[in-house]
Protein backbone atom coordinates (compact mmCIF):
# COMPACT_ATOMS: atom_id res chain seq x y z
CA THR A 1 -68.89 266.37 315.97
CA ALA A 2 -67.74 269.97 316.18
CA TYR A 3 -65.42 269.36 313.22
CA ASN A 4 -68.21 268.10 310.95
CA ALA A 5 -70.60 270.80 312.11
CA LEU A 6 -68.18 273.58 311.20
CA ARG A 7 -67.26 271.80 307.98
CA ALA A 8 -70.92 272.06 306.96
CA THR A 9 -70.77 275.87 306.96
CA ASN A 10 -69.37 277.93 304.11
CA TYR A 11 -67.09 279.83 306.47
CA PRO A 12 -66.75 278.34 309.96
CA PRO A 13 -66.00 281.56 311.94
CA HIS A 14 -68.98 283.42 310.48
CA PRO A 15 -71.57 282.29 313.07
CA LEU A 16 -69.20 283.42 315.81
CA LEU A 17 -69.47 287.00 314.56
CA GLN A 18 -72.81 287.13 316.38
CA SER A 19 -71.30 286.01 319.68
CA PRO A 20 -71.05 288.30 322.74
CA TRP A 21 -67.25 288.18 322.55
CA PRO A 22 -65.39 290.84 320.52
CA LEU A 23 -63.48 288.33 318.40
CA ASN A 24 -61.23 289.79 315.71
CA MET A 25 -62.08 287.64 312.70
CA SER A 26 -59.91 289.57 310.23
CA HIS A 27 -56.83 287.74 311.51
CA MET A 28 -58.48 284.32 311.46
CA GLN A 29 -59.74 283.87 307.90
CA ASN A 30 -57.06 281.28 307.10
CA VAL A 31 -57.46 279.32 310.34
CA SER A 32 -58.27 275.66 309.63
CA ILE A 33 -61.39 273.96 310.99
CA THR A 34 -59.20 271.71 313.12
CA ASP A 35 -57.61 274.76 314.75
CA TRP A 36 -61.05 276.26 315.37
CA VAL A 37 -62.10 273.12 317.21
CA LYS A 38 -58.91 273.28 319.28
CA MET A 39 -59.68 276.90 320.19
CA MET A 40 -63.18 275.91 321.27
CA ILE A 41 -61.75 273.23 323.53
CA ASN A 42 -59.06 275.55 324.87
CA PRO A 43 -60.22 279.16 324.29
CA LYS A 44 -57.27 280.55 326.21
CA HIS A 45 -55.02 279.46 323.40
CA GLY A 46 -55.67 281.68 320.39
CA LEU A 47 -58.62 283.62 321.81
CA GLY A 48 -57.18 284.70 325.14
CA LEU A 49 -60.29 283.83 327.16
CA GLU A 50 -59.88 282.62 330.73
CA GLY A 51 -61.91 281.61 333.78
CA GLU A 52 -65.70 281.91 333.65
CA GLU A 53 -65.50 283.72 330.34
CA ALA A 54 -63.73 280.72 328.81
CA LYS A 55 -66.39 278.35 330.19
CA ASP A 56 -69.19 280.54 328.81
CA PHE A 57 -67.51 280.57 325.42
CA GLN A 58 -67.15 276.77 325.42
CA LEU A 59 -70.85 276.39 326.21
CA TYR A 60 -71.78 278.88 323.49
CA ALA A 61 -69.55 277.10 320.94
CA ALA A 62 -70.97 273.67 321.86
CA ILE A 63 -74.56 274.88 321.44
CA LEU A 64 -73.65 276.58 318.17
CA CYS A 65 -72.12 273.39 316.75
CA ASP A 66 -75.16 271.40 317.85
CA GLN A 67 -77.53 273.82 316.11
CA ILE A 68 -75.46 273.83 312.91
CA TRP A 69 -75.34 270.03 312.84
CA MET A 70 -79.05 269.66 313.60
CA THR A 71 -80.06 272.18 310.94
CA ARG A 72 -77.79 270.57 308.36
CA ASN A 73 -79.14 267.08 308.96
CA LYS A 74 -82.79 268.09 309.28
CA ALA A 75 -83.08 268.62 305.54
CA ARG A 76 -81.45 265.27 304.86
CA LEU A 77 -83.40 263.19 307.36
CA GLU A 78 -86.77 264.70 306.44
CA GLY A 79 -86.22 264.46 302.70
CA ILE A 80 -87.41 262.02 300.05
CA LYS A 81 -84.74 259.58 298.87
CA THR A 82 -84.53 259.08 295.12
CA SER A 83 -82.26 256.24 293.99
CA PRO A 84 -81.44 255.92 290.26
CA GLU A 85 -79.94 252.88 288.53
CA GLU A 86 -79.11 251.82 284.98
CA VAL A 87 -78.93 248.35 283.41
CA ALA A 88 -77.29 248.09 279.99
CA ARG A 89 -78.25 245.59 277.30
CA GLU A 90 -76.95 245.19 273.76
CA ASP A 91 -80.01 246.82 272.22
CA LYS A 92 -81.04 249.29 274.96
CA SER A 93 -80.39 250.76 278.37
CA SER A 94 -83.02 250.56 281.10
CA VAL A 95 -83.00 253.14 283.88
CA ALA A 96 -85.06 253.05 287.06
CA VAL A 97 -85.74 255.47 289.90
CA VAL A 98 -87.06 254.52 293.33
CA ALA A 99 -88.48 257.16 295.71
CA ARG A 100 -88.74 256.45 299.44
CA ASP A 101 -89.67 258.49 302.49
CA GLN A 102 -87.47 258.99 305.56
CA LYS A 103 -88.73 255.70 307.01
CA GLY A 104 -87.77 253.72 303.92
CA ASN A 105 -91.34 253.28 302.66
CA LEU A 106 -91.70 253.11 298.89
CA LEU A 107 -93.55 256.14 297.48
CA ALA A 108 -93.11 255.71 293.75
CA ALA A 109 -90.95 254.14 291.06
CA TRP A 110 -90.32 255.03 287.43
CA THR A 111 -88.46 253.38 284.57
CA GLU A 112 -87.43 254.42 281.07
CA GLN A 113 -85.92 252.68 278.06
CA LEU A 114 -83.05 254.51 276.38
CA ASN A 115 -81.03 253.93 273.25
CA PRO A 116 -77.98 251.79 273.98
CA THR A 117 -75.23 253.88 275.52
CA GLU A 118 -72.09 253.51 277.58
CA PRO A 119 -72.61 252.80 281.30
CA LEU A 120 -71.32 256.20 282.50
CA LEU A 121 -73.77 258.15 280.37
CA GLY A 122 -76.56 255.76 281.34
CA GLU A 123 -75.89 256.35 285.05
CA ALA A 124 -75.90 260.11 284.51
CA LYS A 125 -79.22 259.94 282.66
CA ALA A 126 -80.64 257.82 285.47
CA ALA A 127 -79.66 260.55 287.95
CA TRP A 128 -81.31 263.16 285.72
CA LEU A 129 -84.49 261.07 285.58
CA ALA A 130 -84.47 260.88 289.39
CA ILE A 131 -84.38 264.63 289.96
CA LYS A 132 -86.77 265.31 287.05
CA LYS A 133 -89.41 262.91 288.41
CA ALA A 134 -88.97 264.31 291.91
CA ALA A 135 -89.62 267.80 290.55
CA ASP A 136 -92.67 266.58 288.63
CA GLU A 137 -94.04 265.02 291.83
CA GLY A 138 -93.63 268.29 293.71
CA PHE A 139 -91.14 266.96 296.25
CA LYS A 140 -89.35 269.86 297.95
CA ARG A 141 -86.60 268.12 299.92
CA ILE A 142 -84.85 265.23 298.26
CA ILE A 143 -81.76 263.08 298.69
CA LEU A 144 -80.46 261.88 295.34
CA GLU A 145 -78.25 258.91 296.09
CA GLY A 146 -76.43 256.71 293.65
CA ASP A 147 -73.64 254.16 293.41
CA ALA A 148 -71.90 255.78 290.42
CA LEU A 149 -69.16 257.80 292.14
CA ASN A 150 -68.06 259.50 288.92
CA VAL A 151 -71.60 260.88 288.58
CA ILE A 152 -72.32 261.78 292.21
CA GLU A 153 -68.92 263.32 293.03
CA PRO A 154 -69.07 266.15 290.42
CA LEU A 155 -72.61 266.95 291.58
CA LYS A 156 -71.43 267.23 295.19
CA ASN A 157 -68.30 269.23 294.49
CA LYS A 158 -67.93 271.89 291.80
CA ALA A 159 -64.16 271.49 291.99
CA VAL A 160 -64.41 267.92 290.66
CA VAL A 161 -64.22 267.89 286.86
CA SER A 162 -66.75 265.54 285.30
CA HIS A 163 -66.13 263.37 282.25
CA TRP A 164 -66.90 265.33 279.10
CA ARG A 165 -69.48 262.75 278.01
CA ILE A 166 -71.74 263.49 280.97
CA LYS A 167 -71.01 267.20 281.46
CA ALA A 168 -74.24 268.38 279.77
CA VAL A 169 -76.39 265.88 281.69
CA LEU A 170 -74.91 266.97 285.03
CA GLU A 171 -75.55 270.61 284.12
CA ASP A 172 -79.19 269.71 283.45
CA ILE A 173 -79.38 268.06 286.88
CA LEU A 174 -77.96 271.10 288.66
CA PHE A 175 -80.36 273.34 286.73
CA LEU A 176 -83.30 271.47 288.30
CA VAL A 177 -82.00 272.07 291.84
CA LYS A 178 -83.74 275.46 291.84
CA TYR A 179 -87.14 273.74 291.95
CA PHE A 180 -86.43 272.32 295.42
CA ASP A 181 -85.99 273.76 298.88
CA ASN A 182 -83.11 271.37 299.48
CA VAL A 183 -81.25 268.75 297.46
CA SER A 184 -78.56 266.41 298.82
CA PHE A 185 -76.32 264.37 296.53
CA CYS A 186 -75.10 261.20 298.24
CA PHE A 187 -72.89 258.29 297.28
CA ILE A 188 -74.02 254.83 298.39
CA CYS A 189 -72.49 251.40 297.78
CA ARG A 190 -74.09 249.13 295.19
CA ASP A 191 -75.22 246.84 298.02
CA GLY A 192 -77.39 249.68 299.31
CA ASN A 193 -79.03 250.32 295.95
CA VAL A 194 -80.35 246.84 295.18
CA THR A 195 -84.00 247.91 294.84
CA ALA A 196 -83.35 250.37 292.01
CA HIS A 197 -81.13 247.80 290.28
CA LEU A 198 -83.86 245.15 290.44
CA PHE A 199 -86.43 247.61 289.11
CA ALA A 200 -84.10 248.41 286.19
CA GLN A 201 -83.65 244.70 285.43
CA TRP A 202 -87.40 244.18 285.62
CA ALA A 203 -87.99 247.10 283.25
CA ALA A 204 -85.42 245.72 280.80
CA LEU A 205 -87.11 242.31 280.83
CA LEU A 206 -90.61 243.70 280.22
CA ASN A 207 -89.52 246.69 278.14
CA TRP A 208 -91.44 248.88 280.60
CA SER A 209 -91.40 252.68 280.56
CA GLY A 210 -93.26 255.00 282.89
CA PRO A 211 -94.62 254.74 286.45
CA VAL A 212 -94.30 251.31 288.04
CA PRO A 213 -97.28 249.83 289.93
CA ILE A 214 -96.07 249.42 293.50
CA SER A 215 -99.20 247.99 295.10
CA ASN A 216 -98.17 244.39 294.44
CA LEU A 217 -94.40 244.00 294.60
CA SER A 218 -92.67 240.66 294.25
CA SER A 219 -91.17 239.20 297.41
CA MET A 220 -87.66 239.78 296.04
CA LEU A 221 -88.32 243.48 295.49
CA ALA A 222 -90.04 243.82 298.85
CA LYS A 223 -87.05 242.30 300.66
CA ALA A 224 -84.59 244.49 298.77
CA LEU A 225 -86.67 247.56 299.52
CA ASP A 226 -86.73 246.74 303.22
CA ARG A 227 -82.97 246.24 303.31
CA ASP A 228 -82.17 249.36 301.28
CA GLY A 229 -84.39 251.39 303.58
CA HIS A 230 -82.01 250.68 306.45
CA TRP A 231 -78.81 251.28 304.47
CA ARG A 232 -77.09 254.57 305.22
CA SER A 233 -75.61 256.76 302.51
CA LEU A 234 -71.84 257.04 302.84
CA ASP A 235 -71.41 260.72 302.12
CA CYS A 236 -73.72 263.60 301.33
CA ILE A 237 -73.45 267.21 300.32
CA SER A 238 -76.59 269.30 300.75
CA PHE A 239 -77.61 272.28 298.63
CA GLY A 240 -80.35 274.62 299.80
CA SER A 241 -82.16 277.35 297.95
CA SER A 242 -78.92 279.36 297.82
CA TYR A 243 -77.46 276.84 295.36
CA LYS A 244 -78.98 278.33 292.23
């Protein structure tokens, strides 16, 4: 939608500075995105454009929104999905990361055994492992999705204050963003992250650390992988090379 397209830009009116119309942006810096959409629908109100000029502006604005939306989503849809998960036991915490391509095909999986820790810190360390392994593999466009909202939300939005126990881990994650062309942080429901959870349980059972052989998956993992590959992330924020 036009609303979401403009919301994806740092400053919605900025692209319109390049338009053929002499729009005075100095008086519009505090205009909301909703009001901008209304002006695109009815350019006479607020912009004073009428007749053919108004129609031309509407066409220009529609194409602009389409290009913004397409460019924003291109990085997400063409990226590698990395899904972290943590399973806590009394004597240890097992974390797992699953990497899939845009079609949902499994590319790689990794697990690590950590000292026992609280679930929040374990989820944060799982997210760090995900972006670290993606960097080691040379992936350039990734979508880091997880079901721990209190980990994903501070990564998506600087204004959200993280819990002090995971602050340093989240800073380490954001430091690694510079090694990618684009990184998106996305929240997904637990039901859409079953594969990573099963890998973490498997790693806890076998005390496995390191790359996971993916050539011969169990039927349970294969079914979960197929289902997760068709599960859409609920919300994403994308950071390009400018987020450094």
